[in-house]
Amino acid sequence: DYSEVIDLCRKGIAAGLKRNYEDYARRLMSWAYNRRGEVRAAAQQDREALADFEAAVELNNHSWRAIHNRAVSYAYLGRVKEAMADFDRTIKLKKDYANAYFNRGELRNTEGDIEGAVRDYTSAIDLGPADPTMFNRRGHALYRMQRFGEALGDYAQALEIDPQDVATLVHRGDTYADMGKYAEAAGDYREAVRIDPKLGRAYQSAAWLMATCPDEHYRNDKLAIEAARKAIALDGGDDYRYLETLAAAQANAGLFKEAKETQEKAIAKAPRSELVPAEKRMALYQRELAYRDPARQSFAPVGGEDQASPARQASATSKNPRRPPRPNPRNRNQPAGLR
């Protein structure tokens, strides 16, 4: 139907319309291109969708919806500079559009501009309506900055809006673990698995805690291996962090031959930035020593001073760490964007 609208508008313009009717036809054709692009994006036809969004913007360069959608497509296809420019342009045209700030924050987060991401998430939250994912993502950015108390505050806000938000439960569990609050971390992982028994990410974090916790009370040889294998069974073995978790669990159980074999696979898949810590863990297993996370000191409660703590190397910090999340297939102009 959208293609038919585009064709009819093109024929009308070619037939020689009066200026006011031609202007209307171009705006209508721009709308149809944008809507067809959304349909194609929902079908994961990313390049075809981008072509439609580009056509929509060319026909109406004030269509903030089409510009925003083009930005999402640029970002997903790795064209970061163009995506950032389009998000900036969307915000200039539609200053109260929270999703544009959120998506620009996602892009900044991915590019390592964590402070800029926090500012954009804050703008999105301030514009409303209340969205648990926005609090979750700002909390995750604050977690990456090791501002753990503030991160916990955002996770609490997200869970107040949606107590079933498993991504937030896992992120909060990771934060608790890095603060040395192991009972709270274990509780969040258990709750996430209860809500979504197929969430591999929750099993992976739980396995890491049970294999590497400096407090012996929270370590469990058998359950750590079971949870690590469950995570891989659910999400596949392409993520080096899942493999590192299994290797740590095997070493914790004294299965050093298996741990070395698994860690070797993890090193082969690890990005260059993670090779040094991965190889250090391999050196431990070669000496038949299990890896232990550094002992943590509990931090100040939410609202107090955060203390620095090294981020964990083997635990993913997004629900699906293997690839960037896709745009919302239902409607790119709903609060989902790059999520």
C-alpha atoms as a PDB file:
ATOM      1  CA  ASP A   1       0.000   0.000   0.000  1.00  0.00           C
ATOM      2  CA  TYR A   2       2.810   2.449   0.823  1.00  0.00           C
ATOM      3  CA  SER A   3       4.495   1.603  -2.491  1.00  0.00           C
ATOM      4  CA  GLU A   4       1.237   2.385  -4.283  1.00  0.00           C
ATOM      5  CA  VAL A   5       1.013   5.777  -2.541  1.00  0.00           C
ATOM      6  CA  ILE A   6       4.603   6.534  -3.597  1.00  0.00           C
ATOM      7  CA  ASP A   7       3.873   5.537  -7.204  1.00  0.00           C
ATOM      8  CA  LEU A   8       0.700   7.613  -7.400  1.00  0.00           C
ATOM      9  CA  CYS A   9       2.436  10.686  -5.971  1.00  0.00           C
ATOM     10  CA  ARG A  10       5.316  10.297  -8.411  1.00  0.00           C
ATOM     11  CA  LYS A  11       2.912  10.057 -11.338  1.00  0.00           C
ATOM     12  CA  GLY A  12       1.017  13.096 -10.153  1.00  0.00           C
ATOM     13  CA  ILE A  13       4.174  15.191  -9.883  1.00  0.00           C
ATOM     14  CA  ALA A  14       5.310  14.024 -13.331  1.00  0.00           C
ATOM     15  CA  ALA A  15       1.938  15.044 -14.784  1.00  0.00           C
ATOM     16  CA  GLY A  16       2.554  18.647 -13.756  1.00  0.00           C
ATOM     17  CA  LEU A  17       0.681  19.675 -10.617  1.00  0.00           C
ATOM     18  CA  LYS A  18       0.207  23.187  -9.328  1.00  0.00           C
ATOM     19  CA  ARG A  19       2.858  24.217  -6.814  1.00  0.00           C
ATOM     20  CA  ASN A  20       0.694  23.767  -3.712  1.00  0.00           C
ATOM     21  CA  TYR A  21      -0.469  20.310  -4.854  1.00  0.00           C
ATOM     22  CA  GLU A  22       3.079  19.297  -5.763  1.00  0.00           C
ATOM     23  CA  ASP A  23       4.292  20.333  -2.314  1.00  0.00           C
ATOM     24  CA  TYR A  24       1.553  18.250  -0.723  1.00  0.00           C
ATOM     25  CA  ALA A  25       2.388  15.266  -2.951  1.00  0.00           C
ATOM     26  CA  ARG A  26       6.058  15.448  -1.912  1.00  0.00           C
ATOM     27  CA  ARG A  27       5.133  15.532   1.777  1.00  0.00           C
ATOM     28  CA  LEU A  28       2.754  12.613   1.299  1.00  0.00           C
ATOM     29  CA  MET A  29       5.399  10.655  -0.610  1.00  0.00           C
ATOM     30  CA  SER A  30       7.921  11.383   2.159  1.00  0.00           C
ATOM     31  CA  TRP A  31       5.450  10.036   4.731  1.00  0.00           C
ATOM     32  CA  ALA A  32       4.909   6.874   2.678  1.00  0.00           C
ATOM     33  CA  TYR A  33       8.656   6.285   2.252  1.00  0.00           C
ATOM     34  CA  ASN A  34       9.144   6.664   6.004  1.00  0.00           C
ATOM     35  CA  ARG A  35       6.320   4.259   6.810  1.00  0.00           C
ATOM     36  CA  ARG A  36       7.563   1.718   4.258  1.00  0.00           C
ATOM     37  CA  GLY A  37      11.014   2.040   5.779  1.00  0.00           C
ATOM     38  CA  GLU A  38       9.573   1.165   9.183  1.00  0.00           C
ATOM     39  CA  VAL A  39       7.938  -1.918   7.711  1.00  0.00           C
ATOM     40  CA  ARG A  40      11.219  -2.969   6.102  1.00  0.00           C
ATOM     41  CA  ALA A  41      13.115  -2.330   9.318  1.00  0.00           C
ATOM     42  CA  ALA A  42      10.657  -4.577  11.143  1.00  0.00           C
ATOM     43  CA  ALA A  43      11.500  -7.290   8.602  1.00  0.00           C
ATOM     44  CA  GLN A  44      15.236  -6.683   9.247  1.00  0.00           C
ATOM     45  CA  GLN A  45      15.726  -5.410   5.686  1.00  0.00           C
ATOM     46  CA  ASP A  46      18.129  -2.796   6.994  1.00  0.00           C
ATOM     47  CA  ARG A  47      19.642  -1.457   3.778  1.00  0.00           C
ATOM     48  CA  GLU A  48      16.286  -1.267   2.038  1.00  0.00           C
ATOM     49  CA  ALA A  49      14.855   0.538   5.072  1.00  0.00           C
ATOM     50  CA  LEU A  50      17.716   3.028   5.047  1.00  0.00           C
ATOM     51  CA  ALA A  51      17.113   3.762   1.358  1.00  0.00           C
ATOM     52  CA  ASP A  52      13.490   4.551   2.158  1.00  0.00           C
ATOM     53  CA  PHE A  53      14.389   6.835   5.060  1.00  0.00           C
ATOM     54  CA  GLU A  54      16.924   8.658   2.890  1.00  0.00           C
ATOM     55  CA  ALA A  55      14.268   9.174   0.221  1.00  0.00           C
ATOM     56  CA  ALA A  56      11.822  10.445   2.854  1.00  0.00           C
ATOM     57  CA  VAL A  57      14.321  13.025   4.130  1.00  0.00           C
ATOM     58  CA  GLU A  58      15.237  14.136   0.619  1.00  0.00           C
ATOM     59  CA  LEU A  59      11.576  14.848  -0.096  1.00  0.00           C
ATOM     60  CA  ASN A  60      10.957  16.592   3.241  1.00  0.00           C
ATOM     61  CA  ASN A  61      14.056  17.706   5.117  1.00  0.00           C
ATOM     62  CA  HIS A  62      11.947  18.843   8.079  1.00  0.00           C
ATOM     63  CA  SER A  63      10.465  15.413   8.763  1.00  0.00           C
ATOM     64  CA  TRP A  64      12.001  14.762  12.168  1.00  0.00           C
ATOM     65  CA  ARG A  65      10.513  11.260  12.270  1.00  0.00           C
ATOM     66  CA  ALA A  66      12.269  10.237   9.051  1.00  0.00           C
ATOM     67  CA  ILE A  67      15.518  11.873  10.163  1.00  0.00           C
ATOM     68  CA  HIS A  68      15.341  10.007  13.463  1.00  0.00           C
ATOM     69  CA  ASN A  69      14.622   6.713  11.723  1.00  0.00           C
ATOM     70  CA  ARG A  70      17.507   7.305   9.322  1.00  0.00           C
ATOM     71  CA  ALA A  71      19.756   7.906  12.326  1.00  0.00           C
ATOM     72  CA  VAL A  72      18.738   4.559  13.830  1.00  0.00           C
ATOM     73  CA  SER A  73      19.513   2.802  10.545  1.00  0.00           C
ATOM     74  CA  TYR A  74      22.865   4.566  10.226  1.00  0.00           C
ATOM     75  CA  ALA A  75      23.755   3.532  13.767  1.00  0.00           C
ATOM     76  CA  TYR A  76      22.768  -0.061  13.220  1.00  0.00           C
ATOM     77  CA  LEU A  77      24.820  -0.222  10.014  1.00  0.00           C
ATOM     78  CA  GLY A  78      27.871   1.214  11.805  1.00  0.00           C
ATOM     79  CA  ARG A  79      27.774   4.679  10.221  1.00  0.00           C
ATOM     80  CA  VAL A  80      28.298   6.396  13.555  1.00  0.00           C
ATOM     81  CA  LYS A  81      29.182   9.910  12.389  1.00  0.00           C
ATOM     82  CA  GLU A  82      26.096  10.151  10.180  1.00  0.00           C
ATOM     83  CA  ALA A  83      23.882   8.684  12.894  1.00  0.00           C
ATOM     84  CA  MET A  84      25.110  11.196  15.448  1.00  0.00           C
ATOM     85  CA  ALA A  85      24.496  14.078  13.045  1.00  0.00           C
ATOM     86  CA  ASP A  86      20.934  12.905  12.432  1.00  0.00           C
ATOM     87  CA  PHE A  87      20.197  12.503  16.143  1.00  0.00           C
ATOM     88  CA  ASP A  88      21.501  16.052  16.686  1.00  0.00           C
ATOM     89  CA  ARG A  89      19.306  17.282  13.863  1.00  0.00           C
ATOM     90  CA  THR A  90      16.253  15.458  15.219  1.00  0.00           C
ATOM     91  CA  ILE A  91      16.704  17.129  18.605  1.00  0.00           C
ATOM     92  CA  LYS A  92      16.964  20.558  16.991  1.00  0.00           C
ATOM     93  CA  LEU A  93      13.691  19.943  15.152  1.00  0.00           C
ATOM     94  CA  LYS A  94      11.904  18.215  18.033  1.00  0.00           C
ATOM     95  CA  LYS A  95      13.430  19.282  21.339  1.00  0.00           C
ATOM     96  CA  ASP A  96      10.872  17.389  23.421  1.00  0.00           C
ATOM     97  CA  TYR A  97      11.341  13.998  21.734  1.00  0.00           C
ATOM     98  CA  ALA A  98      12.766  11.808  24.512  1.00  0.00           C
ATOM     99  CA  ASN A  99      13.633   8.893  22.253  1.00  0.00           C
ATOM    100  CA  ALA A 100      16.128  10.948  20.239  1.00  0.00           C
ATOM    101  CA  TYR A 101      18.047  11.797  23.426  1.00  0.00           C
ATOM    102  CA  PHE A 102      17.879   8.166  24.543  1.00  0.00           C
ATOM    103  CA  ASN A 103      19.173   6.864  21.210  1.00  0.00           C
ATOM    104  CA  ARG A 104      21.947   9.431  21.066  1.00  0.00           C
ATOM    105  CA  GLY A 105      22.858   8.309  24.577  1.00  0.00           C
ATOM    106  CA  GLU A 106      22.985   4.694  23.386  1.00  0.00           C
ATOM    107  CA  LEU A 107      25.323   5.681  20.574  1.00  0.00           C
ATOM    108  CA  ARG A 108      27.557   7.705  22.893  1.00  0.00           C
ATOM    109  CA  ASN A 109      27.632   4.798  25.338  1.00  0.00           C
ATOM    110  CA  THR A 110      28.739   2.450  22.566  1.00  0.00           C
ATOM    111  CA  GLU A 111      31.434   4.902  21.461  1.00  0.00           C
ATOM    112  CA  GLY A 112      32.820   5.267  24.989  1.00  0.00           C
ATOM    113  CA  ASP A 113      31.459   8.746  25.772  1.00  0.00           C
ATOM    114  CA  ILE A 114      29.880   7.591  29.020  1.00  0.00           C
ATOM    115  CA  GLU A 115      29.445  11.049  30.554  1.00  0.00           C
ATOM    116  CA  GLY A 116      27.722  12.265  27.389  1.00  0.00           C
ATOM    117  CA  ALA A 117      25.503   9.190  27.468  1.00  0.00           C
ATOM    118  CA  VAL A 118      24.473   9.920  31.062  1.00  0.00           C
ATOM    119  CA  ARG A 119      23.521  13.486  30.095  1.00  0.00           C
ATOM    120  CA  ASP A 120      21.372  12.238  27.220  1.00  0.00           C
ATOM    121  CA  TYR A 121      19.698   9.524  29.301  1.00  0.00           C
ATOM    122  CA  THR A 122      18.928  12.167  31.918  1.00  0.00           C
ATOM    123  CA  SER A 123      17.313  14.413  29.294  1.00  0.00           C
ATOM    124  CA  ALA A 124      15.218  11.486  28.062  1.00  0.00           C
ATOM    125  CA  ILE A 125      14.126  10.619  31.606  1.00  0.00           C
ATOM    126  CA  ASP A 126      13.274  14.241  32.397  1.00  0.00           C
ATOM    127  CA  LEU A 127      11.056  14.469  29.321  1.00  0.00           C
ATOM    128  CA  GLY A 128       9.175  11.307  30.291  1.00  0.00           C
ATOM    129  CA  PRO A 129       7.047   9.285  30.403  1.00  0.00           C
ATOM    130  CA  ALA A 130       8.645   7.008  32.979  1.00  0.00           C
ATOM    131  CA  ASP A 131      10.407   4.170  31.145  1.00  0.00           C
ATOM    132  CA  PRO A 132      12.268   1.389  33.003  1.00  0.00           C
ATOM    133  CA  THR A 133      14.716   0.879  30.137  1.00  0.00           C
ATOM    134  CA  MET A 134      15.872   4.488  30.301  1.00  0.00           C
ATOM    135  CA  PHE A 135      16.621   4.142  34.001  1.00  0.00           C
ATOM    136  CA  ASN A 136      18.278   0.797  33.363  1.00  0.00           C
ATOM    137  CA  ARG A 137      20.548   2.165  30.638  1.00  0.00           C
ATOM    138  CA  ARG A 138      21.528   5.249  32.662  1.00  0.00           C
ATOM    139  CA  GLY A 139      22.199   2.951  35.598  1.00  0.00           C
ATOM    140  CA  HIS A 140      24.416   0.801  33.395  1.00  0.00           C
ATOM    141  CA  ALA A 141      26.351   3.875  32.232  1.00  0.00           C
ATOM    142  CA  LEU A 142      26.821   4.975  35.843  1.00  0.00           C
ATOM    143  CA  TYR A 143      27.944   1.423  36.654  1.00  0.00           C
ATOM    144  CA  ARG A 144      30.595   1.680  33.929  1.00  0.00           C
ATOM    145  CA  MET A 145      31.778   4.894  35.584  1.00  0.00           C
ATOM    146  CA  GLN A 146      31.905   2.955  38.889  1.00  0.00           C
ATOM    147  CA  ARG A 147      29.320   5.301  40.422  1.00  0.00           C
ATOM    148  CA  PHE A 148      27.652   2.303  41.966  1.00  0.00           C
ATOM    149  CA  GLY A 149      25.412   4.060  44.468  1.00  0.00           C
ATOM    150  CA  GLU A 150      23.796   6.182  41.747  1.00  0.00           C
ATOM    151  CA  ALA A 151      23.492   3.113  39.517  1.00  0.00           C
ATOM    152  CA  LEU A 152      21.581   1.289  42.252  1.00  0.00           C
ATOM    153  CA  GLY A 153      19.222   4.246  42.524  1.00  0.00           C
ATOM    154  CA  ASP A 154      18.407   4.038  38.808  1.00  0.00           C
ATOM    155  CA  TYR A 155      17.926   0.271  38.943  1.00  0.00           C
ATOM    156  CA  ALA A 156      15.538   0.732  41.853  1.00  0.00           C
ATOM    157  CA  GLN A 157      13.547   3.265  39.808  1.00  0.00           C
ATOM    158  CA  ALA A 158      13.388   0.867  36.846  1.00  0.00           C
ATOM    159  CA  LEU A 159      12.195  -2.012  39.023  1.00  0.00           C
ATOM    160  CA  GLU A 160       9.604   0.175  40.712  1.00  0.00           C
ATOM    161  CA  ILE A 161       8.099   0.799  37.270  1.00  0.00           C
ATOM    162  CA  ASP A 162       8.473  -2.824  36.146  1.00  0.00           C
ATOM    163  CA  PRO A 163       9.368  -5.429  38.814  1.00  0.00           C
ATOM    164  CA  GLN A 164       9.606  -8.067  36.042  1.00  0.00           C
ATOM    165  CA  ASP A 165      12.434  -6.265  34.226  1.00  0.00           C
ATOM    166  CA  VAL A 166      15.005  -9.074  34.132  1.00  0.00           C
ATOM    167  CA  ALA A 167      17.717  -7.008  32.424  1.00  0.00           C
ATOM    168  CA  THR A 168      17.654  -4.548  35.303  1.00  0.00           C
ATOM    169  CA  LEU A 169      17.736  -7.349  37.877  1.00  0.00           C
ATOM    170  CA  VAL A 170      20.886  -8.774  36.289  1.00  0.00           C
ATOM    171  CA  HIS A 171      22.539  -5.367  36.028  1.00  0.00           C
ATOM    172  CA  ARG A 172      21.722  -4.640  39.659  1.00  0.00           C
ATOM    173  CA  GLY A 173      23.072  -8.045  40.624  1.00  0.00           C
ATOM    174  CA  ASP A 174      26.343  -7.228  38.858  1.00  0.00           C
ATOM    175  CA  THR A 175      26.534  -3.939  40.736  1.00  0.00           C
ATOM    176  CA  TYR A 176      25.883  -5.597  44.085  1.00  0.00           C
ATOM    177  CA  ALA A 177      28.592  -8.160  43.328  1.00  0.00           C
ATOM    178  CA  ASP A 178      31.107  -5.412  42.550  1.00  0.00           C
ATOM    179  CA  MET A 179      30.172  -3.750  45.839  1.00  0.00           C
ATOM    180  CA  GLY A 180      30.793  -6.943  47.810  1.00  0.00           C
ATOM    181  CA  LYS A 181      27.082  -7.405  48.533  1.00  0.00           C
ATOM    182  CA  TYR A 182      27.032 -11.020  47.421  1.00  0.00           C
ATOM    183  CA  ALA A 183      23.766 -12.063  49.060  1.00  0.00           C
ATOM    184  CA  GLU A 184      21.909  -9.269  47.274  1.00  0.00           C
ATOM    185  CA  ALA A 185      23.622 -10.158  43.973  1.00  0.00           C
ATOM    186  CA  ALA A 186      22.676 -13.825  44.277  1.00  0.00           C
ATOM    187  CA  GLY A 187      19.103 -12.845  45.103  1.00  0.00           C
ATOM    188  CA  ASP A 188      18.778 -10.701  41.981  1.00  0.00           C
ATOM    189  CA  TYR A 189      20.183 -13.448  39.748  1.00  0.00           C
ATOM    190  CA  ARG A 190      17.778 -15.997  41.229  1.00  0.00           C
ATOM    191  CA  GLU A 191      14.830 -13.666  40.721  1.00  0.00           C
ATOM    192  CA  ALA A 192      15.832 -12.998  37.108  1.00  0.00           C
ATOM    193  CA  VAL A 193      16.000 -16.735  36.378  1.00  0.00           C
ATOM    194  CA  ARG A 194      12.659 -17.277  38.104  1.00  0.00           C
ATOM    195  CA  ILE A 195      11.016 -14.660  35.894  1.00  0.00           C
ATOM    196  CA  ASP A 196      12.774 -15.757  32.692  1.00  0.00           C
ATOM    197  CA  PRO A 197      14.241 -19.290  32.875  1.00  0.00           C
ATOM    198  CA  LYS A 198      15.674 -18.835  29.356  1.00  0.00           C
ATOM    199  CA  LEU A 199      17.748 -15.733  30.138  1.00  0.00           C
ATOM    200  CA  GLY A 200      21.277 -16.994  29.544  1.00  0.00           C
ATOM    201  CA  ARG A 201      22.791 -13.749  30.779  1.00  0.00           C
ATOM    202  CA  ALA A 202      21.417 -14.355  34.294  1.00  0.00           C
ATOM    203  CA  TYR A 203      22.869 -17.867  34.431  1.00  0.00           C
ATOM    204  CA  GLN A 204      26.237 -16.516  33.284  1.00  0.00           C
ATOM    205  CA  SER A 205      26.399 -13.889  36.023  1.00  0.00           C
ATOM    206  CA  ALA A 206      25.225 -16.365  38.654  1.00  0.00           C
ATOM    207  CA  ALA A 207      27.863 -18.877  37.513  1.00  0.00           C
ATOM    208  CA  TRP A 208      30.601 -16.229  37.693  1.00  0.00           C
ATOM    209  CA  LEU A 209      29.612 -15.353  41.246  1.00  0.00           C
ATOM    210  CA  MET A 210      29.483 -19.001  42.359  1.00  0.00           C
ATOM    211  CA  ALA A 211      32.857 -19.735  40.737  1.00  0.00           C
ATOM    212  CA  THR A 212      34.933 -16.668  41.624  1.00  0.00           C
ATOM    213  CA  CYS A 213      33.440 -15.062  44.735  1.00  0.00           C
ATOM    214  CA  PRO A 214      36.141 -14.323  47.327  1.00  0.00           C
ATOM    215  CA  ASP A 215      33.652 -15.315  50.031  1.00  0.00           C
ATOM    216  CA  GLU A 216      33.633 -19.124  50.153  1.00  0.00           C
ATOM    217  CA  HIS A 217      30.039 -19.099  51.410  1.00  0.00           C
ATOM    218  CA  TYR A 218      28.781 -18.076  47.962  1.00  0.00           C
ATOM    219  CA  ARG A 219      30.890 -20.505  45.914  1.00  0.00           C
ATOM    220  CA  ASN A 220      29.386 -23.751  44.654  1.00  0.00           C
ATOM    221  CA  ASP A 221      31.401 -26.108  42.423  1.00  0.00           C
ATOM    222  CA  LYS A 222      28.548 -28.066  40.912  1.00  0.00           C
ATOM    223  CA  LEU A 223      25.999 -25.276  40.489  1.00  0.00           C
ATOM    224  CA  ALA A 224      28.579 -22.915  38.960  1.00  0.00           C
ATOM    225  CA  ILE A 225      29.385 -25.397  36.191  1.00  0.00           C
ATOM    226  CA  GLU A 226      25.710 -26.196  35.638  1.00  0.00           C
ATOM    227  CA  ALA A 227      24.789 -22.516  35.366  1.00  0.00           C
ATOM    228  CA  ALA A 228      27.714 -21.738  33.032  1.00  0.00           C
ATOM    229  CA  ARG A 229      26.771 -24.607  30.733  1.00  0.00           C
ATOM    230  CA  LYS A 230      23.119 -23.535  30.833  1.00  0.00           C
ATOM    231  CA  ALA A 231      24.090 -20.023  29.750  1.00  0.00           C
ATOM    232  CA  ILE A 232      26.029 -21.378  26.782  1.00  0.00           C
ATOM    233  CA  ALA A 233      23.218 -23.771  25.879  1.00  0.00           C
ATOM    234  CA  LEU A 234      20.761 -20.864  25.826  1.00  0.00           C
ATOM    235  CA  ASP A 235      22.864 -18.175  24.127  1.00  0.00           C
ATOM    236  CA  GLY A 236      25.545 -20.149  22.288  1.00  0.00           C
ATOM    237  CA  GLY A 237      29.291 -20.287  22.787  1.00  0.00           C
ATOM    238  CA  ASP A 238      30.321 -17.353  20.617  1.00  0.00           C
ATOM    239  CA  ASP A 239      30.794 -14.917  23.508  1.00  0.00           C
ATOM    240  CA  TYR A 240      34.217 -15.271  25.106  1.00  0.00           C
ATOM    241  CA  ARG A 241      32.798 -14.118  28.454  1.00  0.00           C
ATOM    242  CA  TYR A 242      30.497 -17.122  28.632  1.00  0.00           C
ATOM    243  CA  LEU A 243      33.474 -19.385  27.920  1.00  0.00           C
ATOM    244  CA  GLU A 244      35.596 -17.610  30.515  1.00  0.00           C
ATOM    245  CA  THR A 245      32.820 -18.131  33.035  1.00  0.00           C
ATOM    246  CA  LEU A 246      32.725 -21.862  32.321  1.00  0.00           C
ATOM    247  CA  ALA A 247      36.529 -22.046  32.576  1.00  0.00           C
ATOM    248  CA  ALA A 248      36.454 -20.255  35.940  1.00  0.00           C
ATOM    249  CA  ALA A 249      33.772 -22.672  37.163  1.00  0.00           C
ATOM    250  CA  GLN A 250      35.802 -25.676  36.024  1.00  0.00           C
ATOM    251  CA  ALA A 251      38.935 -24.359  37.741  1.00  0.00           C
ATOM    252  CA  ASN A 252      36.936 -23.682  40.894  1.00  0.00           C
ATOM    253  CA  ALA A 253      35.925 -27.360  40.859  1.00  0.00           C
ATOM    254  CA  GLY A 254      39.550 -28.481  40.393  1.00  0.00           C
ATOM    255  CA  LEU A 255      38.974 -29.513  36.765  1.00  0.00           C
ATOM    256  CA  PHE A 256      42.061 -27.708  35.502  1.00  0.00           C
ATOM    257  CA  LYS A 257      42.510 -29.703  32.285  1.00  0.00           C
ATOM    258  CA  GLU A 258      38.991 -28.784  31.206  1.00  0.00           C
ATOM    259  CA  ALA A 259      39.456 -25.206  32.451  1.00  0.00           C
ATOM    260  CA  LYS A 260      42.575 -24.740  30.297  1.00  0.00           C
ATOM    261  CA  GLU A 261      40.814 -26.124  27.223  1.00  0.00           C
ATOM    262  CA  THR A 262      37.819 -23.839  27.731  1.00  0.00           C
ATOM    263  CA  GLN A 263      39.973 -20.798  28.517  1.00  0.00           C
ATOM    264  CA  GLU A 264      41.950 -21.412  25.333  1.00  0.00           C
ATOM    265  CA  LYS A 265      38.695 -21.181  23.357  1.00  0.00           C
ATOM    266  CA  ALA A 266      37.781 -18.004  25.231  1.00  0.00           C
ATOM    267  CA  ILE A 267      41.136 -16.390  24.413  1.00  0.00           C
ATOM    268  CA  ALA A 268      40.656 -17.225  20.732  1.00  0.00           C
ATOM    269  CA  LYS A 269      37.353 -15.323  20.739  1.00  0.00           C
ATOM    270  CA  ALA A 270      38.312 -12.453  23.075  1.00  0.00           C
ATOM    271  CA  PRO A 271      38.857  -8.936  21.679  1.00  0.00           C
ATOM    272  CA  ARG A 272      42.378  -7.590  21.840  1.00  0.00           C
ATOM    273  CA  SER A 273      41.499  -5.297  24.764  1.00  0.00           C
ATOM    274  CA  GLU A 274      40.602  -8.330  26.917  1.00  0.00           C
ATOM    275  CA  LEU A 275      43.534 -10.601  26.065  1.00  0.00           C
ATOM    276  CA  VAL A 276      45.748  -9.613  28.997  1.00  0.00           C
ATOM    277  CA  PRO A 277      43.262 -10.469  31.796  1.00  0.00           C
ATOM    278  CA  ALA A 278      42.198 -13.615  29.907  1.00  0.00           C
ATOM    279  CA  GLU A 279      45.779 -14.782  29.597  1.00  0.00           C
ATOM    280  CA  LYS A 280      46.411 -14.037  33.274  1.00  0.00           C
ATOM    281  CA  ARG A 281      43.571 -16.333  34.191  1.00  0.00           C
ATOM    282  CA  MET A 282      44.998 -18.982  31.888  1.00  0.00           C
ATOM    283  CA  ALA A 283      48.303 -18.686  33.751  1.00  0.00           C
ATOM    284  CA  LEU A 284      46.469 -19.408  37.011  1.00  0.00           C
ATOM    285  CA  TYR A 285      44.836 -22.519  35.586  1.00  0.00           C
ATOM    286  CA  GLN A 286      48.171 -23.738  34.271  1.00  0.00           C
ATOM    287  CA  ARG A 287      49.459 -23.520  37.842  1.00  0.00           C
ATOM    288  CA  GLU A 288      46.278 -25.320  38.979  1.00  0.00           C
ATOM    289  CA  LEU A 289      44.936 -22.285  40.801  1.00  0.00           C
ATOM    290  CA  ALA A 290      41.357 -21.058  40.648  1.00  0.00           C
ATOM    291  CA  TYR A 291      40.575 -17.450  39.829  1.00  0.00           C
ATOM    292  CA  ARG A 292      39.058 -15.298  42.567  1.00  0.00           C
ATOM    293  CA  ASP A 293      37.513 -11.893  42.134  1.00  0.00           C
ATOM    294  CA  PRO A 294      39.222  -9.279  44.327  1.00  0.00           C
ATOM    295  CA  ALA A 295      37.607  -8.969  47.745  1.00  0.00           C
ATOM    296  CA  ARG A 296      35.139  -6.074  47.743  1.00  0.00           C
ATOM    297  CA  GLN A 297      34.348  -3.616  50.465  1.00  0.00           C
ATOM    298  CA  SER A 298      30.691  -2.646  50.755  1.00  0.00           C
ATOM    299  CA  PHE A 299      30.140   0.834  49.414  1.00  0.00           C
ATOM    300  CA  ALA A 300      28.128   3.684  50.825  1.00  0.00           C
ATOM    301  CA  PRO A 301      24.347   3.379  50.398  1.00  0.00           C
ATOM    302  CA  VAL A 302      22.566   5.040  47.520  1.00  0.00           C
ATOM    303  CA  GLY A 303      23.201   8.755  47.651  1.00  0.00           C
ATOM    304  CA  GLY A 304      26.521   8.395  49.469  1.00  0.00           C
ATOM    305  CA  GLU A 305      30.086   8.573  48.210  1.00  0.00           C
ATOM    306  CA  ASP A 306      31.023   5.868  45.691  1.00  0.00           C
ATOM    307  CA  GLN A 307      34.415   4.226  46.026  1.00  0.00           C
ATOM    308  CA  ALA A 308      36.366   2.939  43.048  1.00  0.00           C
ATOM    309  CA  SER A 309      36.293  -0.754  42.229  1.00  0.00           C
ATOM    310  CA  PRO A 310      37.701  -2.548  39.188  1.00  0.00           C
ATOM    311  CA  ALA A 311      35.033  -3.653  36.746  1.00  0.00           C
ATOM    312  CA  ARG A 312      34.741  -7.385  36.242  1.00  0.00           C
ATOM    313  CA  GLN A 313      36.343  -8.649  33.063  1.00  0.00           C
ATOM    314  CA  ALA A 314      34.403 -11.863  32.531  1.00  0.00           C
ATOM    315  CA  SER A 315      30.848 -10.697  33.026  1.00  0.00           C
ATOM    316  CA  ALA A 316      28.831  -9.126  30.239  1.00  0.00           C
ATOM    317  CA  THR A 317      27.003  -5.914  31.046  1.00  0.00           C
ATOM    318  CA  SER A 318      24.196  -5.989  28.517  1.00  0.00           C
ATOM    319  CA  LYS A 319      21.370  -8.397  28.014  1.00  0.00           C
ATOM    320  CA  ASN A 320      22.773  -9.563  24.687  1.00  0.00           C
ATOM    321  CA  PRO A 321      26.498  -8.799  24.568  1.00  0.00           C
ATOM    322  CA  ARG A 322      27.208 -10.473  21.243  1.00  0.00           C
ATOM    323  CA  ARG A 323      25.748  -7.853  18.941  1.00  0.00           C
ATOM    324  CA  PRO A 324      24.236  -4.397  19.265  1.00  0.00           C
ATOM    325  CA  PRO A 325      20.519  -4.470  19.997  1.00  0.00           C
ATOM    326  CA  ARG A 326      18.216  -3.993  17.020  1.00  0.00           C
ATOM    327  CA  PRO A 327      15.812  -1.086  16.691  1.00  0.00           C
ATOM    328  CA  ASN A 328      12.338  -1.798  17.983  1.00  0.00           C
ATOM    329  CA  PRO A 329      10.675  -3.679  15.103  1.00  0.00           C
ATOM    330  CA  ARG A 330       7.221  -2.389  15.937  1.00  0.00           C
ATOM    331  CA  ASN A 331       7.684   1.340  15.574  1.00  0.00           C
ATOM    332  CA  ARG A 332      10.962   3.192  15.621  1.00  0.00           C
ATOM    333  CA  ASN A 333       9.270   6.250  17.049  1.00  0.00           C
ATOM    334  CA  GLN A 334       8.152   4.440  20.208  1.00  0.00           C
ATOM    335  CA  PRO A 335      10.426   4.537  23.296  1.00  0.00           C
ATOM    336  CA  ALA A 336      12.713   1.734  22.191  1.00  0.00           C
ATOM    337  CA  GLY A 337      15.016   3.121  19.520  1.00  0.00           C
ATOM    338  CA  LEU A 338      18.349   1.367  19.400  1.00  0.00           C
ATOM    339  CA  ARG A 339      17.153  -1.063  22.019  1.00  0.00           C
END
